[in-house]
C-alpha cells in the first residue's frame, strides 16, 4: 500500500517526502479532531478504581 502511495505522489524525492509528511499530519489531525472523540462516546467510560482489601 505504501509503495502504491509513493508511486502516486508527484515530483522529486524531497517533494514526495514533504507530501507524505503532510498527508501523515493531516490524517493524525483528522483522527484527533473527529474520530477519537466519536469513539470516546461509544466506549463505556466508567471511572473504576481498584479498592484496597
PDB file of N, CA and C in Angstrom:
ATOM      1  N   UNK A   1       0.816  -1.185   0.000  1.00  0.00           N
ATOM      2  CA  UNK A   1       0.000   0.000   0.000  1.00  0.00           C
ATOM      3  C   UNK A   1       0.864   1.254   0.000  1.00  0.00           C
ATOM      4  N   UNK A   2       1.911   1.257   0.820  1.00  0.00           N
ATOM      5  CA  UNK A   2       2.759   2.434   0.877  1.00  0.00           C
ATOM      6  C   UNK A   2       3.527   2.643  -0.425  1.00  0.00           C
ATOM      7  N   UNK A   3       3.879   1.564  -1.075  1.00  0.00           N
ATOM      8  CA  UNK A   3       4.565   1.690  -2.349  1.00  0.00           C
ATOM      9  C   UNK A   3       3.645   2.287  -3.403  1.00  0.00           C
ATOM     10  N   UNK A   4       2.391   1.899  -3.402  1.00  0.00           N
ATOM     11  CA  UNK A   4       1.427   2.472  -4.343  1.00  0.00           C
ATOM     12  C   UNK A   4       1.250   3.963  -4.073  1.00  0.00           C
ATOM     13  N   UNK A   5       1.172   4.347  -2.797  1.00  0.00           N
ATOM     14  CA  UNK A   5       1.060   5.763  -2.455  1.00  0.00           C
ATOM     15  C   UNK A   5       2.314   6.510  -2.887  1.00  0.00           C
ATOM     16  N   UNK A   6       3.462   5.918  -2.672  1.00  0.00           N
ATOM     17  CA  UNK A   6       4.727   6.556  -3.042  1.00  0.00           C
ATOM     18  C   UNK A   6       4.809   6.767  -4.553  1.00  0.00           C
ATOM     19  N   UNK A   7       4.287   5.817  -5.333  1.00  0.00           N
ATOM     20  CA  UNK A   7       4.321   5.950  -6.790  1.00  0.00           C
ATOM     21  C   UNK A   7       3.357   7.018  -7.285  1.00  0.00           C
ATOM     22  N   UNK A   8       2.279   7.258  -6.556  1.00  0.00           N
ATOM     23  CA  UNK A   8       1.278   8.234  -6.981  1.00  0.00           C
ATOM     24  C   UNK A   8       1.735   9.662  -6.683  1.00  0.00           C
ATOM     25  N   UNK A   9       2.544   9.840  -5.646  1.00  0.00           N
ATOM     26  CA  UNK A   9       2.998  11.183  -5.289  1.00  0.00           C
ATOM     27  C   UNK A   9       3.887  11.749  -6.392  1.00  0.00           C
ATOM     28  N   UNK A  10       3.623  12.994  -6.786  1.00  0.00           N
ATOM     29  CA  UNK A  10       4.405  13.590  -7.889  1.00  0.00           C
ATOM     30  C   UNK A  10       5.693  14.235  -7.388  1.00  0.00           C
ATOM     31  N   UNK A  11       6.591  14.496  -8.314  1.00  0.00           N
ATOM     32  CA  UNK A  11       7.764  15.303  -8.029  1.00  0.00           C
ATOM     33  C   UNK A  11       8.999  14.522  -7.644  1.00  0.00           C
ATOM     34  N   UNK A  12      10.052  15.282  -7.353  1.00  0.00           N
ATOM     35  CA  UNK A  12      11.314  14.665  -6.922  1.00  0.00           C
ATOM     36  C   UNK A  12      11.210  14.129  -5.499  1.00  0.00           C
ATOM     37  N   UNK A  13      12.280  13.527  -5.042  1.00  0.00           N
ATOM     38  CA  UNK A  13      12.299  12.856  -3.741  1.00  0.00           C
ATOM     39  C   UNK A  13      11.945  13.795  -2.594  1.00  0.00           C
ATOM     40  N   UNK A  14      12.526  14.985  -2.574  1.00  0.00           N
ATOM     41  CA  UNK A  14      12.272  15.903  -1.461  1.00  0.00           C
ATOM     42  C   UNK A  14      10.798  16.315  -1.409  1.00  0.00           C
ATOM     43  N   UNK A  15      10.172  16.470  -2.563  1.00  0.00           N
ATOM     44  CA  UNK A  15       8.760  16.837  -2.595  1.00  0.00           C
ATOM     45  C   UNK A  15       7.873  15.670  -2.176  1.00  0.00           C
ATOM     46  N   UNK A  16       8.238  14.468  -2.563  1.00  0.00           N
ATOM     47  CA  UNK A  16       7.483  13.286  -2.136  1.00  0.00           C
ATOM     48  C   UNK A  16       7.534  13.111  -0.626  1.00  0.00           C
ATOM     49  N   UNK A  17       8.697  13.338  -0.047  1.00  0.00           N
ATOM     50  CA  UNK A  17       8.831  13.230   1.408  1.00  0.00           C
ATOM     51  C   UNK A  17       7.977  14.288   2.090  1.00  0.00           C
ATOM     52  N   UNK A  18       8.006  15.514   1.587  1.00  0.00           N
ATOM     53  CA  UNK A  18       7.204  16.591   2.154  1.00  0.00           C
ATOM     54  C   UNK A  18       5.713  16.289   2.038  1.00  0.00           C
ATOM     55  N   UNK A  19       5.272  15.803   0.891  1.00  0.00           N
ATOM     56  CA  UNK A  19       3.864  15.464   0.701  1.00  0.00           C
ATOM     57  C   UNK A  19       3.438  14.300   1.600  1.00  0.00           C
ATOM     58  N   UNK A  20       4.307  13.320   1.752  1.00  0.00           N
ATOM     59  CA  UNK A  20       3.992  12.186   2.620  1.00  0.00           C
ATOM     60  C   UNK A  20       3.858  12.652   4.074  1.00  0.00           C
ATOM     61  N   UNK A  21       4.717  13.545   4.511  1.00  0.00           N
ATOM     62  CA  UNK A  21       4.617  14.084   5.870  1.00  0.00           C
ATOM     63  C   UNK A  21       3.341  14.901   6.050  1.00  0.00           C
ATOM     64  N   UNK A  22       2.981  15.691   5.040  1.00  0.00           N
ATOM     65  CA  UNK A  22       1.747  16.465   5.120  1.00  0.00           C
ATOM     66  C   UNK A  22       0.523  15.559   5.170  1.00  0.00           C
ATOM     67  N   UNK A  23       0.533  14.483   4.406  1.00  0.00           N
ATOM     68  CA  UNK A  23      -0.567  13.526   4.463  1.00  0.00           C
ATOM     69  C   UNK A  23      -0.655  12.860   5.829  1.00  0.00           C
ATOM     70  N   UNK A  24       0.479  12.533   6.411  1.00  0.00           N
ATOM     71  CA  UNK A  24       0.503  11.928   7.738  1.00  0.00           C
ATOM     72  C   UNK A  24      -0.042  12.889   8.795  1.00  0.00           C
ATOM     73  N   UNK A  25       0.397  14.135   8.741  1.00  0.00           N
ATOM     74  CA  UNK A  25      -0.088  15.135   9.694  1.00  0.00           C
ATOM     75  C   UNK A  25      -1.584  15.357   9.509  1.00  0.00           C
ATOM     76  N   UNK A  26      -2.058  15.399   8.274  1.00  0.00           N
ATOM     77  CA  UNK A  26      -3.481  15.563   8.017  1.00  0.00           C
ATOM     78  C   UNK A  26      -4.303  14.396   8.537  1.00  0.00           C
ATOM     79  N   UNK A  27      -3.801  13.189   8.377  1.00  0.00           N
ATOM     80  CA  UNK A  27      -4.512  12.012   8.875  1.00  0.00           C
ATOM     81  C   UNK A  27      -4.559  12.012  10.397  1.00  0.00           C
ATOM     82  N   UNK A  28      -3.460  12.359  11.043  1.00  0.00           N
ATOM     83  CA  UNK A  28      -3.437  12.418  12.508  1.00  0.00           C
ATOM     84  C   UNK A  28      -4.350  13.518  13.036  1.00  0.00           C
ATOM     85  N   UNK A  29      -4.401  14.650  12.349  1.00  0.00           N
ATOM     86  CA  UNK A  29      -5.292  15.739  12.741  1.00  0.00           C
ATOM     87  C   UNK A  29      -6.756  15.310  12.625  1.00  0.00           C
ATOM     88  N   UNK A  30      -7.097  14.631  11.535  1.00  0.00           N
ATOM     89  CA  UNK A  30      -8.470  14.162  11.353  1.00  0.00           C
ATOM     90  C   UNK A  30      -8.845  13.142  12.424  1.00  0.00           C
ATOM     91  N   UNK A  31      -7.935  12.256  12.758  1.00  0.00           N
ATOM     92  CA  UNK A  31      -8.208  11.285  13.819  1.00  0.00           C
ATOM     93  C   UNK A  31      -8.439  11.977  15.161  1.00  0.00           C
ATOM     94  N   UNK A  32      -7.568  12.915  15.511  1.00  0.00           N
ATOM     95  CA  UNK A  32      -7.679  13.582  16.810  1.00  0.00           C
ATOM     96  C   UNK A  32      -8.887  14.501  16.877  1.00  0.00           C
ATOM     97  N   UNK A  33      -9.311  15.055  15.750  1.00  0.00           N
ATOM     98  CA  UNK A  33     -10.410  16.008  15.743  1.00  0.00           C
ATOM     99  C   UNK A  33     -11.773  15.341  15.694  1.00  0.00           C
ATOM    100  N   UNK A  34     -11.934  14.318  14.852  1.00  0.00           N
ATOM    101  CA  UNK A  34     -13.257  13.746  14.631  1.00  0.00           C
ATOM    102  C   UNK A  34     -13.398  12.292  15.074  1.00  0.00           C
ATOM    103  N   UNK A  35     -12.434  11.471  14.788  1.00  0.00           N
ATOM    104  CA  UNK A  35     -12.602  10.037  15.027  1.00  0.00           C
ATOM    105  C   UNK A  35     -12.487   9.693  16.503  1.00  0.00           C
ATOM    106  N   UNK A  36     -11.433  10.136  17.178  1.00  0.00           N
ATOM    107  CA  UNK A  36     -11.240   9.779  18.581  1.00  0.00           C
ATOM    108  C   UNK A  36     -12.358  10.301  19.483  1.00  0.00           C
ATOM    109  N   UNK A  37     -12.834  11.546  19.315  1.00  0.00           N
ATOM    110  CA  UNK A  37     -13.976  11.974  20.146  1.00  0.00           C
ATOM    111  C   UNK A  37     -15.240  11.155  19.882  1.00  0.00           C
ATOM    112  N   UNK A  38     -15.484  10.760  18.646  1.00  0.00           N
ATOM    113  CA  UNK A  38     -16.650   9.952  18.321  1.00  0.00           C
ATOM    114  C   UNK A  38     -16.547   8.571  18.976  1.00  0.00           C
ATOM    115  N   UNK A  39     -15.364   7.969  18.938  1.00  0.00           N
ATOM    116  CA  UNK A  39     -15.167   6.654  19.545  1.00  0.00           C
ATOM    117  C   UNK A  39     -15.299   6.749  21.060  1.00  0.00           C
ATOM    118  N   UNK A  40     -14.856   7.851  21.643  1.00  0.00           N
ATOM    119  CA  UNK A  40     -14.956   8.020  23.092  1.00  0.00           C
ATOM    120  C   UNK A  40     -16.417   8.001  23.550  1.00  0.00           C
ATOM    121  N   UNK A  41     -17.313   8.518  22.731  1.00  0.00           N
ATOM    122  CA  UNK A  41     -18.729   8.492  23.077  1.00  0.00           C
ATOM    123  C   UNK A  41     -19.294   7.079  23.054  1.00  0.00           C
ATOM    124  N   UNK A  42     -18.727   6.207  22.237  1.00  0.00           N
ATOM    125  CA  UNK A  42     -19.224   4.846  22.105  1.00  0.00           C
ATOM    126  C   UNK A  42     -18.684   3.911  23.185  1.00  0.00           C
ATOM    127  N   UNK A  43     -17.530   4.238  23.735  1.00  0.00           N
ATOM    128  CA  UNK A  43     -16.888   3.377  24.728  1.00  0.00           C
ATOM    129  C   UNK A  43     -17.465   3.695  26.109  1.00  0.00           C
ATOM    130  N   UNK A  44     -17.761   2.659  26.857  1.00  0.00           N
ATOM    131  CA  UNK A  44     -18.273   2.835  28.209  1.00  0.00           C
ATOM    132  C   UNK A  44     -17.130   3.286  29.112  1.00  0.00           C
ATOM    133  N   UNK A  45     -17.128   4.545  29.441  1.00  0.00           N
ATOM    134  CA  UNK A  45     -16.015   5.128  30.179  1.00  0.00           C
ATOM    135  C   UNK A  45     -16.412   5.338  31.637  1.00  0.00           C
ATOM    136  N   UNK A  46     -16.350   4.284  32.410  1.00  0.00           N
ATOM    137  CA  UNK A  46     -16.639   4.395  33.823  1.00  0.00           C
ATOM    138  C   UNK A  46     -15.335   4.544  34.582  1.00  0.00           C
ATOM    139  N   UNK A  47     -15.343   5.442  35.530  1.00  0.00           N
ATOM    140  CA  UNK A  47     -14.152   5.610  36.339  1.00  0.00           C
ATOM    141  C   UNK A  47     -14.117   4.517  37.399  1.00  0.00           C
ATOM    142  N   UNK A  48     -13.273   3.555  37.171  1.00  0.00           N
ATOM    143  CA  UNK A  48     -13.169   2.432  38.093  1.00  0.00           C
ATOM    144  C   UNK A  48     -11.792   2.474  38.753  1.00  0.00           C
ATOM    145  N   UNK A  49     -11.785   2.233  40.031  1.00  0.00           N
ATOM    146  CA  UNK A  49     -10.524   2.163  40.761  1.00  0.00           C
ATOM    147  C   UNK A  49     -10.446   0.836  41.483  1.00  0.00           C
ATOM    148  N   UNK A  50      -9.260   0.415  41.759  1.00  0.00           N
ATOM    149  CA  UNK A  50      -9.042  -0.825  42.483  1.00  0.00           C
ATOM    150  C   UNK A  50      -9.029  -0.488  43.966  1.00  0.00           C
ATOM    151  N   UNK A  51      -9.941  -1.078  44.700  1.00  0.00           N
ATOM    152  CA  UNK A  51     -10.020  -0.798  46.130  1.00  0.00           C
ATOM    153  C   UNK A  51      -9.011  -1.619  46.920  1.00  0.00           C
ATOM    154  N   UNK A  52      -8.625  -1.105  48.044  1.00  0.00           N
ATOM    155  CA  UNK A  52      -7.703  -1.840  48.903  1.00  0.00           C
ATOM    156  C   UNK A  52      -8.495  -2.859  49.726  1.00  0.00           C
ATOM    157  N   UNK A  53      -7.895  -4.013  50.032  1.00  0.00           N
ATOM    158  CA  UNK A  53      -8.615  -5.060  50.769  1.00  0.00           C
ATOM    159  C   UNK A  53      -8.883  -4.707  52.214  1.00  0.00           C
TER     160      UNK A  53
END
